[in-house]
Amino acid sequence: QVQLVESGGGLVQPGGSLRLSCAASGGIYSLNRMGWYRQAPGKQRELVASISSGGSTDYAYSVKGRFTISRDNAENTVYLQMNNVKPEDTAIYYCNFKVTFTTGGRERDYWGPGTQVTVSS
């Protein structure tokens, strides 16, 4: 089983910055697309950003120009650099990895436990 560990969440003032990290354990699989999702109370979970194994990125319109997703394949880690944060960014952020095991089989989804990001003055 793949386990994802998130870090970097917390309280930040509007206009500030935060960097989220998510690392996957183990070495018996290949990491395909990685992404960050978020969910605020009373709202649906939404895709914030994703990055393919080749480095192609995709962002939600609401975070374009402010957030940057990146990955470190050697460390099996995905990052989300959050700049100029807004109160509307307040949510629980979940990382998501698409995984293919070296033994074969279908691509599988793995989720991090979530980390709280609160933007408030």
PDB file of N, CA and C in Angstrom:
ATOM      1  N   GLN A   1       0.834  -1.183   0.000  1.00  0.00           N
ATOM      2  CA  GLN A   1       0.000   0.000   0.000  1.00  0.00           C
ATOM      3  C   GLN A   1       0.877   1.245   0.000  1.00  0.00           C
ATOM      4  N   VAL A   2       0.453   2.215  -0.759  1.00  0.00           N
ATOM      5  CA  VAL A   2       1.138   3.491  -0.816  1.00  0.00           C
ATOM      6  C   VAL A   2       0.571   4.388   0.273  1.00  0.00           C
ATOM      7  N   GLN A   3       1.457   5.041   1.007  1.00  0.00           N
ATOM      8  CA  GLN A   3       1.032   5.983   2.027  1.00  0.00           C
ATOM      9  C   GLN A   3       1.554   7.373   1.696  1.00  0.00           C
ATOM     10  N   LEU A   4       0.678   8.350   1.820  1.00  0.00           N
ATOM     11  CA  LEU A   4       1.028   9.720   1.532  1.00  0.00           C
ATOM     12  C   LEU A   4       1.048  10.526   2.820  1.00  0.00           C
ATOM     13  N   VAL A   5       2.085  11.319   2.980  1.00  0.00           N
ATOM     14  CA  VAL A   5       2.244  12.149   4.156  1.00  0.00           C
ATOM     15  C   VAL A   5       2.288  13.607   3.725  1.00  0.00           C
ATOM     16  N   GLU A   6       1.391  14.408   4.272  1.00  0.00           N
ATOM     17  CA  GLU A   6       1.308  15.813   3.930  1.00  0.00           C
ATOM     18  C   GLU A   6       1.897  16.676   5.032  1.00  0.00           C
ATOM     19  N   SER A   7       2.397  17.828   4.639  1.00  0.00           N
ATOM     20  CA  SER A   7       2.916  18.786   5.591  1.00  0.00           C
ATOM     21  C   SER A   7       2.839  20.185   4.993  1.00  0.00           C
ATOM     22  N   GLY A   8       2.961  21.186   5.850  1.00  0.00           N
ATOM     23  CA  GLY A   8       3.027  22.558   5.390  1.00  0.00           C
ATOM     24  C   GLY A   8       1.787  23.393   5.616  1.00  0.00           C
ATOM     25  N   GLY A   9       0.707  22.771   6.046  1.00  0.00           N
ATOM     26  CA  GLY A   9      -0.504  23.524   6.289  1.00  0.00           C
ATOM     27  C   GLY A   9      -0.397  24.375   7.533  1.00  0.00           C
ATOM     28  N   GLY A  10      -1.364  25.257   7.699  1.00  0.00           N
ATOM     29  CA  GLY A  10      -1.376  26.105   8.867  1.00  0.00           C
ATOM     30  C   GLY A  10      -2.142  27.382   8.643  1.00  0.00           C
ATOM     31  N   LEU A  11      -1.922  28.324   9.528  1.00  0.00           N
ATOM     32  CA  LEU A  11      -2.582  29.623   9.477  1.00  0.00           C
ATOM     33  C   LEU A  11      -1.671  30.637   8.806  1.00  0.00           C
ATOM     34  N   VAL A  12      -2.227  31.373   7.874  1.00  0.00           N
ATOM     35  CA  VAL A  12      -1.457  32.378   7.166  1.00  0.00           C
ATOM     36  C   VAL A  12      -2.350  33.592   6.905  1.00  0.00           C
ATOM     37  N   GLN A  13      -1.754  34.761   6.893  1.00  0.00           N
ATOM     38  CA  GLN A  13      -2.509  35.985   6.640  1.00  0.00           C
ATOM     39  C   GLN A  13      -2.770  36.177   5.154  1.00  0.00           C
ATOM     40  N   PRO A  14      -3.852  36.865   4.819  1.00  0.00           N
ATOM     41  CA  PRO A  14      -4.103  37.165   3.414  1.00  0.00           C
ATOM     42  C   PRO A  14      -2.898  37.849   2.780  1.00  0.00           C
ATOM     43  N   GLY A  15      -2.570  37.420   1.576  1.00  0.00           N
ATOM     44  CA  GLY A  15      -1.413  37.956   0.886  1.00  0.00           C
ATOM     45  C   GLY A  15      -0.127  37.218   1.179  1.00  0.00           C
ATOM     46  N   GLY A  16      -0.158  36.353   2.157  1.00  0.00           N
ATOM     47  CA  GLY A  16       1.020  35.598   2.531  1.00  0.00           C
ATOM     48  C   GLY A  16       1.234  34.381   1.662  1.00  0.00           C
ATOM     49  N   SER A  17       2.212  33.581   2.053  1.00  0.00           N
ATOM     50  CA  SER A  17       2.579  32.399   1.284  1.00  0.00           C
ATOM     51  C   SER A  17       2.645  31.167   2.167  1.00  0.00           C
ATOM     52  N   LEU A  18       2.445  30.042   1.529  1.00  0.00           N
ATOM     53  CA  LEU A  18       2.484  28.761   2.202  1.00  0.00           C
ATOM     54  C   LEU A  18       2.947  27.724   1.192  1.00  0.00           C
ATOM     55  N   ARG A  19       3.664  26.731   1.667  1.00  0.00           N
ATOM     56  CA  ARG A  19       4.128  25.667   0.785  1.00  0.00           C
ATOM     57  C   ARG A  19       3.709  24.318   1.346  1.00  0.00           C
ATOM     58  N   LEU A  20       2.907  23.601   0.597  1.00  0.00           N
ATOM     59  CA  LEU A  20       2.464  22.280   0.983  1.00  0.00           C
ATOM     60  C   LEU A  20       3.336  21.219   0.331  1.00  0.00           C
ATOM     61  N   SER A  21       3.558  20.143   1.059  1.00  0.00           N
ATOM     62  CA  SER A  21       4.334  19.025   0.546  1.00  0.00           C
ATOM     63  C   SER A  21       3.567  17.734   0.772  1.00  0.00           C
ATOM     64  N   CYS A  22       3.758  16.791  -0.118  1.00  0.00           N
ATOM     65  CA  CYS A  22       3.154  15.479   0.019  1.00  0.00           C
ATOM     66  C   CYS A  22       4.125  14.452  -0.520  1.00  0.00           C
ATOM     67  N   ALA A  23       4.520  13.521   0.328  1.00  0.00           N
ATOM     68  CA  ALA A  23       5.499  12.513  -0.045  1.00  0.00           C
ATOM     69  C   ALA A  23       4.900  11.118   0.046  1.00  0.00           C
ATOM     70  N   ALA A  24       5.217  10.300  -0.924  1.00  0.00           N
ATOM     71  CA  ALA A  24       4.751   8.923  -0.962  1.00  0.00           C
ATOM     72  C   ALA A  24       5.855   7.982  -0.513  1.00  0.00           C
ATOM     73  N   SER A  25       5.488   7.007   0.288  1.00  0.00           N
ATOM     74  CA  SER A  25       6.448   6.029   0.770  1.00  0.00           C
ATOM     75  C   SER A  25       6.547   4.859  -0.191  1.00  0.00           C
ATOM     76  N   GLY A  26       7.619   4.096  -0.042  1.00  0.00           N
ATOM     77  CA  GLY A  26       7.792   2.901  -0.838  1.00  0.00           C
ATOM     78  C   GLY A  26       8.495   3.140  -2.158  1.00  0.00           C
ATOM     79  N   GLY A  27       8.850   2.040  -2.793  1.00  0.00           N
ATOM     80  CA  GLY A  27       9.543   2.123  -4.059  1.00  0.00           C
ATOM     81  C   GLY A  27       9.188   1.014  -5.024  1.00  0.00           C
ATOM     82  N   ILE A  28       7.987   0.492  -4.901  1.00  0.00           N
ATOM     83  CA  ILE A  28       7.541  -0.603  -5.752  1.00  0.00           C
ATOM     84  C   ILE A  28       6.483  -0.159  -6.749  1.00  0.00           C
ATOM     85  N   TYR A  29       6.431   1.109  -7.023  1.00  0.00           N
ATOM     86  CA  TYR A  29       5.418   1.643  -7.907  1.00  0.00           C
ATOM     87  C   TYR A  29       5.968   2.833  -8.684  1.00  0.00           C
ATOM     88  N   SER A  30       5.236   3.210  -9.702  1.00  0.00           N
ATOM     89  CA  SER A  30       5.548   4.388 -10.481  1.00  0.00           C
ATOM     90  C   SER A  30       4.474   5.438 -10.235  1.00  0.00           C
ATOM     91  N   LEU A  31       4.908   6.674 -10.066  1.00  0.00           N
ATOM     92  CA  LEU A  31       3.982   7.767  -9.846  1.00  0.00           C
ATOM     93  C   LEU A  31       3.669   8.429 -11.171  1.00  0.00           C
ATOM     94  N   ASN A  32       2.406   8.484 -11.474  1.00  0.00           N
ATOM     95  CA  ASN A  32       1.977   9.120 -12.705  1.00  0.00           C
ATOM     96  C   ASN A  32       1.548  10.558 -12.389  1.00  0.00           C
ATOM     97  N   ARG A  33       0.326  10.917 -12.666  1.00  0.00           N
ATOM     98  CA  ARG A  33      -0.106  12.274 -12.374  1.00  0.00           C
ATOM     99  C   ARG A  33      -0.265  12.476 -10.877  1.00  0.00           C
ATOM    100  N   MET A  34       0.160  13.633 -10.393  1.00  0.00           N
ATOM    101  CA  MET A  34      -0.006  14.044  -9.009  1.00  0.00           C
ATOM    102  C   MET A  34      -0.868  15.292  -8.971  1.00  0.00           C
ATOM    103  N   GLY A  35      -1.612  15.445  -7.897  1.00  0.00           N
ATOM    104  CA  GLY A  35      -2.464  16.616  -7.820  1.00  0.00           C
ATOM    105  C   GLY A  35      -2.783  17.041  -6.407  1.00  0.00           C
ATOM    106  N   TRP A  36      -3.314  18.241  -6.313  1.00  0.00           N
ATOM    107  CA  TRP A  36      -3.809  18.790  -5.061  1.00  0.00           C
ATOM    108  C   TRP A  36      -5.276  19.143  -5.220  1.00  0.00           C
ATOM    109  N   TYR A  37      -6.068  18.704  -4.270  1.00  0.00           N
ATOM    110  CA  TYR A  37      -7.477  19.034  -4.202  1.00  0.00           C
ATOM    111  C   TYR A  37      -7.738  19.761  -2.896  1.00  0.00           C
ATOM    112  N   ARG A  38      -8.847  20.462  -2.833  1.00  0.00           N
ATOM    113  CA  ARG A  38      -9.219  21.106  -1.586  1.00  0.00           C
ATOM    114  C   ARG A  38     -10.723  21.042  -1.394  1.00  0.00           C
ATOM    115  N   GLN A  39     -11.123  21.099  -0.144  1.00  0.00           N
ATOM    116  CA  GLN A  39     -12.531  21.077   0.190  1.00  0.00           C
ATOM    117  C   GLN A  39     -12.781  21.976   1.392  1.00  0.00           C
ATOM    118  N   ALA A  40     -13.654  22.936   1.208  1.00  0.00           N
ATOM    119  CA  ALA A  40     -14.071  23.822   2.281  1.00  0.00           C
ATOM    120  C   ALA A  40     -15.416  23.341   2.818  1.00  0.00           C
ATOM    121  N   PRO A  41     -15.737  23.656   4.068  1.00  0.00           N
ATOM    122  CA  PRO A  41     -17.022  23.244   4.637  1.00  0.00           C
ATOM    123  C   PRO A  41     -18.189  23.703   3.776  1.00  0.00           C
ATOM    124  N   GLY A  42     -19.084  22.779   3.484  1.00  0.00           N
ATOM    125  CA  GLY A  42     -20.254  23.106   2.700  1.00  0.00           C
ATOM    126  C   GLY A  42     -20.017  23.215   1.212  1.00  0.00           C
ATOM    127  N   LYS A  43     -18.816  22.930   0.766  1.00  0.00           N
ATOM    128  CA  LYS A  43     -18.494  23.021  -0.650  1.00  0.00           C
ATOM    129  C   LYS A  43     -17.972  21.687  -1.166  1.00  0.00           C
ATOM    130  N   GLN A  44     -18.040  21.530  -2.462  1.00  0.00           N
ATOM    131  CA  GLN A  44     -17.540  20.317  -3.089  1.00  0.00           C
ATOM    132  C   GLN A  44     -16.022  20.325  -3.152  1.00  0.00           C
ATOM    133  N   ARG A  45     -15.458  19.137  -3.162  1.00  0.00           N
ATOM    134  CA  ARG A  45     -14.027  19.027  -3.365  1.00  0.00           C
ATOM    135  C   ARG A  45     -13.691  19.460  -4.785  1.00  0.00           C
ATOM    136  N   GLU A  46     -12.633  20.213  -4.926  1.00  0.00           N
ATOM    137  CA  GLU A  46     -12.250  20.706  -6.234  1.00  0.00           C
ATOM    138  C   GLU A  46     -10.774  20.497  -6.488  1.00  0.00           C
ATOM    139  N   LEU A  47     -10.456  20.324  -7.736  1.00  0.00           N
ATOM    140  CA  LEU A  47      -9.063  20.210  -8.142  1.00  0.00           C
ATOM    141  C   LEU A  47      -8.421  21.583  -8.095  1.00  0.00           C
ATOM    142  N   VAL A  48      -7.297  21.669  -7.415  1.00  0.00           N
ATOM    143  CA  VAL A  48      -6.544  22.913  -7.337  1.00  0.00           C
ATOM    144  C   VAL A  48      -5.481  22.955  -8.420  1.00  0.00           C
ATOM    145  N   ALA A  49      -4.710  21.891  -8.507  1.00  0.00           N
ATOM    146  CA  ALA A  49      -3.634  21.816  -9.485  1.00  0.00           C
ATOM    147  C   ALA A  49      -3.211  20.374  -9.657  1.00  0.00           C
ATOM    148  N   SER A  50      -2.675  20.062 -10.807  1.00  0.00           N
ATOM    149  CA  SER A  50      -2.147  18.731 -11.054  1.00  0.00           C
ATOM    150  C   SER A  50      -0.924  18.835 -11.944  1.00  0.00           C
ATOM    151  N   ILE A  51      -0.116  17.795 -11.909  1.00  0.00           N
ATOM    152  CA  ILE A  51       1.099  17.766 -12.708  1.00  0.00           C
ATOM    153  C   ILE A  51       1.340  16.347 -13.188  1.00  0.00           C
ATOM    154  N   SER A  52       1.617  16.206 -14.457  1.00  0.00           N
ATOM    155  CA  SER A  52       1.848  14.900 -15.036  1.00  0.00           C
ATOM    156  C   SER A  52       3.266  14.440 -14.762  1.00  0.00           C
ATOM    157  N   SER A  53       3.532  13.185 -15.091  1.00  0.00           N
ATOM    158  CA  SER A  53       4.873  12.649 -14.917  1.00  0.00           C
ATOM    159  C   SER A  53       5.892  13.393 -15.766  1.00  0.00           C
ATOM    160  N   GLY A  54       5.426  13.982 -16.856  1.00  0.00           N
ATOM    161  CA  GLY A  54       6.302  14.745 -17.728  1.00  0.00           C
ATOM    162  C   GLY A  54       6.407  16.211 -17.383  1.00  0.00           C
ATOM    163  N   GLY A  55       5.679  16.647 -16.353  1.00  0.00           N
ATOM    164  CA  GLY A  55       5.773  18.020 -15.903  1.00  0.00           C
ATOM    165  C   GLY A  55       4.702  18.956 -16.416  1.00  0.00           C
ATOM    166  N   SER A  56       3.759  18.438 -17.174  1.00  0.00           N
ATOM    167  CA  SER A  56       2.660  19.267 -17.648  1.00  0.00           C
ATOM    168  C   SER A  56       1.724  19.596 -16.486  1.00  0.00           C
ATOM    169  N   THR A  57       1.320  20.856 -16.376  1.00  0.00           N
ATOM    170  CA  THR A  57       0.515  21.297 -15.237  1.00  0.00           C
ATOM    171  C   THR A  57      -0.864  21.769 -15.649  1.00  0.00           C
ATOM    172  N   ASP A  58      -1.763  21.722 -14.684  1.00  0.00           N
ATOM    173  CA  ASP A  58      -3.119  22.188 -14.868  1.00  0.00           C
ATOM    174  C   ASP A  58      -3.562  22.838 -13.567  1.00  0.00           C
ATOM    175  N   TYR A  59      -4.245  23.982 -13.656  1.00  0.00           N
ATOM    176  CA  TYR A  59      -4.642  24.737 -12.479  1.00  0.00           C
ATOM    177  C   TYR A  59      -6.106  25.122 -12.543  1.00  0.00           C
ATOM    178  N   ALA A  60      -6.715  25.177 -11.376  1.00  0.00           N
ATOM    179  CA  ALA A  60      -8.033  25.770 -11.285  1.00  0.00           C
ATOM    180  C   ALA A  60      -7.925  27.256 -11.608  1.00  0.00           C
ATOM    181  N   TYR A  61      -8.941  27.789 -12.241  1.00  0.00           N
ATOM    182  CA  TYR A  61      -8.904  29.186 -12.632  1.00  0.00           C
ATOM    183  C   TYR A  61      -8.675  30.109 -11.432  1.00  0.00           C
ATOM    184  N   SER A  62      -9.237  29.759 -10.298  1.00  0.00           N
ATOM    185  CA  SER A  62      -9.168  30.611  -9.126  1.00  0.00           C
ATOM    186  C   SER A  62      -7.764  30.749  -8.534  1.00  0.00           C
ATOM    187  N   VAL A  63      -6.860  29.848  -8.902  1.00  0.00           N
ATOM    188  CA  VAL A  63      -5.514  29.896  -8.329  1.00  0.00           C
ATOM    189  C   VAL A  63      -4.439  30.196  -9.358  1.00  0.00           C
ATOM    190  N   LYS A  64      -4.808  30.324 -10.599  1.00  0.00           N
ATOM    191  CA  LYS A  64      -3.828  30.607 -11.639  1.00  0.00           C
ATOM    192  C   LYS A  64      -3.102  31.916 -11.359  1.00  0.00           C
ATOM    193  N   GLY A  65      -1.804  31.870 -11.498  1.00  0.00           N
ATOM    194  CA  GLY A  65      -0.988  33.041 -11.239  1.00  0.00           C
ATOM    195  C   GLY A  65      -0.583  33.195  -9.795  1.00  0.00           C
ATOM    196  N   ARG A  66      -1.189  32.418  -8.913  1.00  0.00           N
ATOM    197  CA  ARG A  66      -0.878  32.504  -7.488  1.00  0.00           C
ATOM    198  C   ARG A  66      -0.245  31.231  -6.943  1.00  0.00           C
ATOM    199  N   PHE A  67      -0.699  30.089  -7.426  1.00  0.00           N
ATOM    200  CA  PHE A  67      -0.192  28.801  -6.950  1.00  0.00           C
ATOM    201  C   PHE A  67       0.680  28.153  -8.012  1.00  0.00           C
ATOM    202  N   THR A  68       1.652  27.379  -7.565  1.00  0.00           N
ATOM    203  CA  THR A  68       2.516  26.634  -8.465  1.00  0.00           C
ATOM    204  C   THR A  68       2.688  25.215  -7.947  1.00  0.00           C
ATOM    205  N   ILE A  69       2.403  24.254  -8.793  1.00  0.00           N
ATOM    206  CA  ILE A  69       2.603  22.862  -8.428  1.00  0.00           C
ATOM    207  C   ILE A  69       3.915  22.375  -9.042  1.00  0.00           C
ATOM    208  N   SER A  70       4.622  21.550  -8.307  1.00  0.00           N
ATOM    209  CA  SER A  70       5.868  20.989  -8.801  1.00  0.00           C
ATOM    210  C   SER A  70       6.051  19.603  -8.202  1.00  0.00           C
ATOM    211  N   ARG A  71       6.989  18.853  -8.741  1.00  0.00           N
ATOM    212  CA  ARG A  71       7.236  17.509  -8.236  1.00  0.00           C
ATOM    213  C   ARG A  71       8.715  17.208  -8.228  1.00  0.00           C
ATOM    214  N   ASP A  72       9.101  16.360  -7.295  1.00  0.00           N
ATOM    215  CA  ASP A  72      10.455  15.871  -7.182  1.00  0.00           C
ATOM    216  C   ASP A  72      10.364  14.357  -7.301  1.00  0.00           C
ATOM    217  N   ASN A  73      10.646  13.856  -8.474  1.00  0.00           N
ATOM    218  CA  ASN A  73      10.488  12.430  -8.717  1.00  0.00           C
ATOM    219  C   ASN A  73      11.438  11.581  -7.877  1.00  0.00           C
ATOM    220  N   ALA A  74      12.626  12.098  -7.619  1.00  0.00           N
ATOM    221  CA  ALA A  74      13.593  11.358  -6.822  1.00  0.00           C
ATOM    222  C   ALA A  74      13.110  11.156  -5.395  1.00  0.00           C
ATOM    223  N   GLU A  75      12.299  12.093  -4.907  1.00  0.00           N
ATOM    224  CA  GLU A  75      11.786  12.020  -3.541  1.00  0.00           C
ATOM    225  C   GLU A  75      10.320  11.607  -3.484  1.00  0.00           C
ATOM    226  N   ASN A  76       9.737  11.288  -4.621  1.00  0.00           N
ATOM    227  CA  ASN A  76       8.327  10.911  -4.680  1.00  0.00           C
ATOM    228  C   ASN A  76       7.448  11.939  -3.970  1.00  0.00           C
ATOM    229  N   THR A  77       7.693  13.185  -4.288  1.00  0.00           N
ATOM    230  CA  THR A  77       7.045  14.281  -3.581  1.00  0.00           C
ATOM    231  C   THR A  77       6.429  15.279  -4.548  1.00  0.00           C
ATOM    232  N   VAL A  78       5.270  15.786  -4.172  1.00  0.00           N
ATOM    233  CA  VAL A  78       4.632  16.860  -4.905  1.00  0.00           C
ATOM    234  C   VAL A  78       4.494  18.056  -3.976  1.00  0.00           C
ATOM    235  N   TYR A  79       4.645  19.241  -4.534  1.00  0.00           N
ATOM    236  CA  TYR A  79       4.580  20.468  -3.760  1.00  0.00           C
ATOM    237  C   TYR A  79       3.501  21.390  -4.319  1.00  0.00           C
ATOM    238  N   LEU A  80       2.991  22.220  -3.454  1.00  0.00           N
ATOM    239  CA  LEU A  80       2.103  23.285  -3.878  1.00  0.00           C
ATOM    240  C   LEU A  80       2.567  24.572  -3.218  1.00  0.00           C
ATOM    241  N   GLN A  81       3.140  25.444  -4.014  1.00  0.00           N
ATOM    242  CA  GLN A  81       3.553  26.750  -3.528  1.00  0.00           C
ATOM    243  C   GLN A  81       2.372  27.693  -3.661  1.00  0.00           C
ATOM    244  N   MET A  82       1.926  28.219  -2.544  1.00  0.00           N
ATOM    245  CA  MET A  82       0.754  29.074  -2.504  1.00  0.00           C
ATOM    246  C   MET A  82       1.190  30.491  -2.175  1.00  0.00           C
ATOM    247  N   ASN A  83       1.057  31.379  -3.130  1.00  0.00           N
ATOM    248  CA  ASN A  83       1.410  32.774  -2.939  1.00  0.00           C
ATOM    249  C   ASN A  83       0.176  33.654  -3.018  1.00  0.00           C
ATOM    250  N   ASN A  84       0.274  34.815  -2.381  1.00  0.00           N
ATOM    251  CA  ASN A  84      -0.837  35.769  -2.379  1.00  0.00           C
ATOM    252  C   ASN A  84      -2.147  35.077  -2.024  1.00  0.00           C
ATOM    253  N   VAL A  85      -2.135  34.370  -0.931  1.00  0.00           N
ATOM    254  CA  VAL A  85      -3.314  33.599  -0.543  1.00  0.00           C
ATOM    255  C   VAL A  85      -4.460  34.523  -0.147  1.00  0.00           C
ATOM    256  N   LYS A  86      -5.663  34.018  -0.329  1.00  0.00           N
ATOM    257  CA  LYS A  86      -6.879  34.741  -0.033  1.00  0.00           C
ATOM    258  C   LYS A  86      -7.723  33.949   0.958  1.00  0.00           C
ATOM    259  N   PRO A  87      -8.628  34.619   1.672  1.00  0.00           N
ATOM    260  CA  PRO A  87      -9.504  33.886   2.585  1.00  0.00           C
ATOM    261  C   PRO A  87     -10.271  32.762   1.899  1.00  0.00           C
ATOM    262  N   GLU A  88     -10.586  32.938   0.635  1.00  0.00           N
ATOM    263  CA  GLU A  88     -11.296  31.915  -0.118  1.00  0.00           C
ATOM    264  C   GLU A  88     -10.473  30.648  -0.322  1.00  0.00           C
ATOM    265  N   ASP A  89      -9.176  30.719  -0.067  1.00  0.00           N
ATOM    266  CA  ASP A  89      -8.319  29.548  -0.180  1.00  0.00           C
ATOM    267  C   ASP A  89      -8.408  28.646   1.047  1.00  0.00           C
ATOM    268  N   THR A  90      -9.072  29.107   2.075  1.00  0.00           N
ATOM    269  CA  THR A  90      -9.217  28.318   3.293  1.00  0.00           C
ATOM    270  C   THR A  90      -9.952  27.017   2.994  1.00  0.00           C
ATOM    271  N   ALA A  91      -9.322  25.903   3.331  1.00  0.00           N
ATOM    272  CA  ALA A  91      -9.886  24.592   3.050  1.00  0.00           C
ATOM    273  C   ALA A  91      -8.948  23.525   3.584  1.00  0.00           C
ATOM    274  N   ILE A  92      -9.407  22.302   3.532  1.00  0.00           N
ATOM    275  CA  ILE A  92      -8.526  21.172   3.759  1.00  0.00           C
ATOM    276  C   ILE A  92      -7.963  20.766   2.405  1.00  0.00           C
ATOM    277  N   TYR A  93      -6.665  20.660   2.329  1.00  0.00           N
ATOM    278  CA  TYR A  93      -5.992  20.327   1.085  1.00  0.00           C
ATOM    279  C   TYR A  93      -5.539  18.873   1.104  1.00  0.00           C
ATOM    280  N   TYR A  94      -5.876  18.160   0.051  1.00  0.00           N
ATOM    281  CA  TYR A  94      -5.546  16.751  -0.077  1.00  0.00           C
ATOM    282  C   TYR A  94      -4.660  16.534  -1.295  1.00  0.00           C
ATOM    283  N   CYS A  95      -3.597  15.783  -1.120  1.00  0.00           N
ATOM    284  CA  CYS A  95      -2.814  15.394  -2.281  1.00  0.00           C
ATOM    285  C   CYS A  95      -3.366  14.093  -2.840  1.00  0.00           C
ATOM    286  N   ASN A  96      -3.152  13.903  -4.111  1.00  0.00           N
ATOM    287  CA  ASN A  96      -3.639  12.725  -4.811  1.00  0.00           C
ATOM    288  C   ASN A  96      -2.576  12.249  -5.788  1.00  0.00           C
ATOM    289  N   PHE A  97      -2.257  10.973  -5.695  1.00  0.00           N
ATOM    290  CA  PHE A  97      -1.284  10.372  -6.594  1.00  0.00           C
ATOM    291  C   PHE A  97      -1.935   9.284  -7.423  1.00  0.00           C
ATOM    292  N   LYS A  98      -1.638   9.277  -8.706  1.00  0.00           N
ATOM    293  CA  LYS A  98      -2.009   8.178  -9.578  1.00  0.00           C
ATOM    294  C   LYS A  98      -0.815   7.240  -9.629  1.00  0.00           C
ATOM    295  N   VAL A  99      -1.049   5.972  -9.291  1.00  0.00           N
ATOM    296  CA  VAL A  99       0.044   5.027  -9.088  1.00  0.00           C
ATOM    297  C   VAL A  99      -0.126   3.787  -9.949  1.00  0.00           C
ATOM    298  N   THR A 100       0.968   3.343 -10.523  1.00  0.00           N
ATOM    299  CA  THR A 100       1.034   2.054 -11.213  1.00  0.00           C
ATOM    300  C   THR A 100       2.100   1.220 -10.536  1.00  0.00           C
ATOM    301  N   PHE A 101       1.737   0.058 -10.030  1.00  0.00           N
ATOM    302  CA  PHE A 101       2.697  -0.808  -9.360  1.00  0.00           C
ATOM    303  C   PHE A 101       3.604  -1.485 -10.377  1.00  0.00           C
ATOM    304  N   THR A 102       4.828  -1.727  -9.970  1.00  0.00           N
ATOM    305  CA  THR A 102       5.806  -2.331 -10.869  1.00  0.00           C
ATOM    306  C   THR A 102       5.436  -3.753 -11.252  1.00  0.00           C
ATOM    307  N   THR A 103       4.586  -4.372 -10.460  1.00  0.00           N
ATOM    308  CA  THR A 103       4.116  -5.720 -10.763  1.00  0.00           C
ATOM    309  C   THR A 103       2.999  -5.728 -11.799  1.00  0.00           C
ATOM    310  N   GLY A 104       2.562  -4.574 -12.191  1.00  0.00           N
ATOM    311  CA  GLY A 104       1.518  -4.449 -13.181  1.00  0.00           C
ATOM    312  C   GLY A 104       0.165  -4.156 -12.567  1.00  0.00           C
ATOM    313  N   GLY A 105      -0.847  -4.182 -13.395  1.00  0.00           N
ATOM    314  CA  GLY A 105      -2.183  -3.909 -12.932  1.00  0.00           C
ATOM    315  C   GLY A 105      -2.643  -2.515 -13.327  1.00  0.00           C
ATOM    316  N   ARG A 106      -3.871  -2.209 -12.943  1.00  0.00           N
ATOM    317  CA  ARG A 106      -4.445  -0.931 -13.301  1.00  0.00           C
ATOM    318  C   ARG A 106      -3.850   0.218 -12.491  1.00  0.00           C
ATOM    319  N   GLU A 107      -4.021   1.420 -13.002  1.00  0.00           N
ATOM    320  CA  GLU A 107      -3.617   2.606 -12.264  1.00  0.00           C
ATOM    321  C   GLU A 107      -4.550   2.798 -11.081  1.00  0.00           C
ATOM    322  N   ARG A 108      -3.973   3.135  -9.941  1.00  0.00           N
ATOM    323  CA  ARG A 108      -4.747   3.296  -8.720  1.00  0.00           C
ATOM    324  C   ARG A 108      -4.596   4.698  -8.148  1.00  0.00           C
ATOM    325  N   ASP A 109      -5.605   5.108  -7.402  1.00  0.00           N
ATOM    326  CA  ASP A 109      -5.629   6.413  -6.747  1.00  0.00           C
ATOM    327  C   ASP A 109      -5.254   6.288  -5.280  1.00  0.00           C
ATOM    328  N   TYR A 110      -4.417   7.196  -4.823  1.00  0.00           N
ATOM    329  CA  TYR A 110      -4.089   7.285  -3.410  1.00  0.00           C
ATOM    330  C   TYR A 110      -4.231   8.724  -2.952  1.00  0.00           C
ATOM    331  N   TRP A 111      -4.750   8.879  -1.740  1.00  0.00           N
ATOM    332  CA  TRP A 111      -5.029  10.197  -1.183  1.00  0.00           C
ATOM    333  C   TRP A 111      -4.268  10.431   0.107  1.00  0.00           C
ATOM    334  N   GLY A 112      -3.831  11.651   0.288  1.00  0.00           N
ATOM    335  CA  GLY A 112      -3.245  12.045   1.551  1.00  0.00           C
ATOM    336  C   GLY A 112      -4.324  12.278   2.583  1.00  0.00           C
ATOM    337  N   PRO A 113      -3.934  12.401   3.843  1.00  0.00           N
ATOM    338  CA  PRO A 113      -4.919  12.572   4.920  1.00  0.00           C
ATOM    339  C   PRO A 113      -5.557  13.954   4.979  1.00  0.00           C
ATOM    340  N   GLY A 114      -4.994  14.898   4.285  1.00  0.00           N
ATOM    341  CA  GLY A 114      -5.501  16.255   4.295  1.00  0.00           C
ATOM    342  C   GLY A 114      -4.751  17.122   5.287  1.00  0.00           C
ATOM    343  N   THR A 115      -4.536  18.362   4.905  1.00  0.00           N
ATOM    344  CA  THR A 115      -3.910  19.325   5.798  1.00  0.00           C
ATOM    345  C   THR A 115      -4.696  20.627   5.729  1.00  0.00           C
ATOM    346  N   GLN A 116      -4.949  21.210   6.884  1.00  0.00           N
ATOM    347  CA  GLN A 116      -5.770  22.410   6.961  1.00  0.00           C
ATOM    348  C   GLN A 116      -4.960  23.646   6.598  1.00  0.00           C
ATOM    349  N   VAL A 117      -5.515  24.433   5.703  1.00  0.00           N
ATOM    350  CA  VAL A 117      -4.964  25.737   5.373  1.00  0.00           C
ATOM    351  C   VAL A 117      -6.017  26.780   5.723  1.00  0.00           C
ATOM    352  N   THR A 118      -5.655  27.697   6.596  1.00  0.00           N
ATOM    353  CA  THR A 118      -6.564  28.755   7.003  1.00  0.00           C
ATOM    354  C   THR A 118      -5.943  30.102   6.685  1.00  0.00           C
ATOM    355  N   VAL A 119      -6.644  30.881   5.902  1.00  0.00           N
ATOM    356  CA  VAL A 119      -6.186  32.219   5.531  1.00  0.00           C
ATOM    357  C   VAL A 119      -7.055  33.221   6.267  1.00  0.00           C
ATOM    358  N   SER A 120      -6.461  33.911   7.208  1.00  0.00           N
ATOM    359  CA  SER A 120      -7.215  34.837   8.037  1.00  0.00           C
ATOM    360  C   SER A 120      -6.293  35.890   8.628  1.00  0.00           C
ATOM    361  N   SER A 121      -6.832  37.079   8.808  1.00  0.00           N
ATOM    362  CA  SER A 121      -6.091  38.149   9.445  1.00  0.00           C
ATOM    363  C   SER A 121      -6.374  38.221  10.933  1.00  0.00           C
TER     364      SER A 121
END
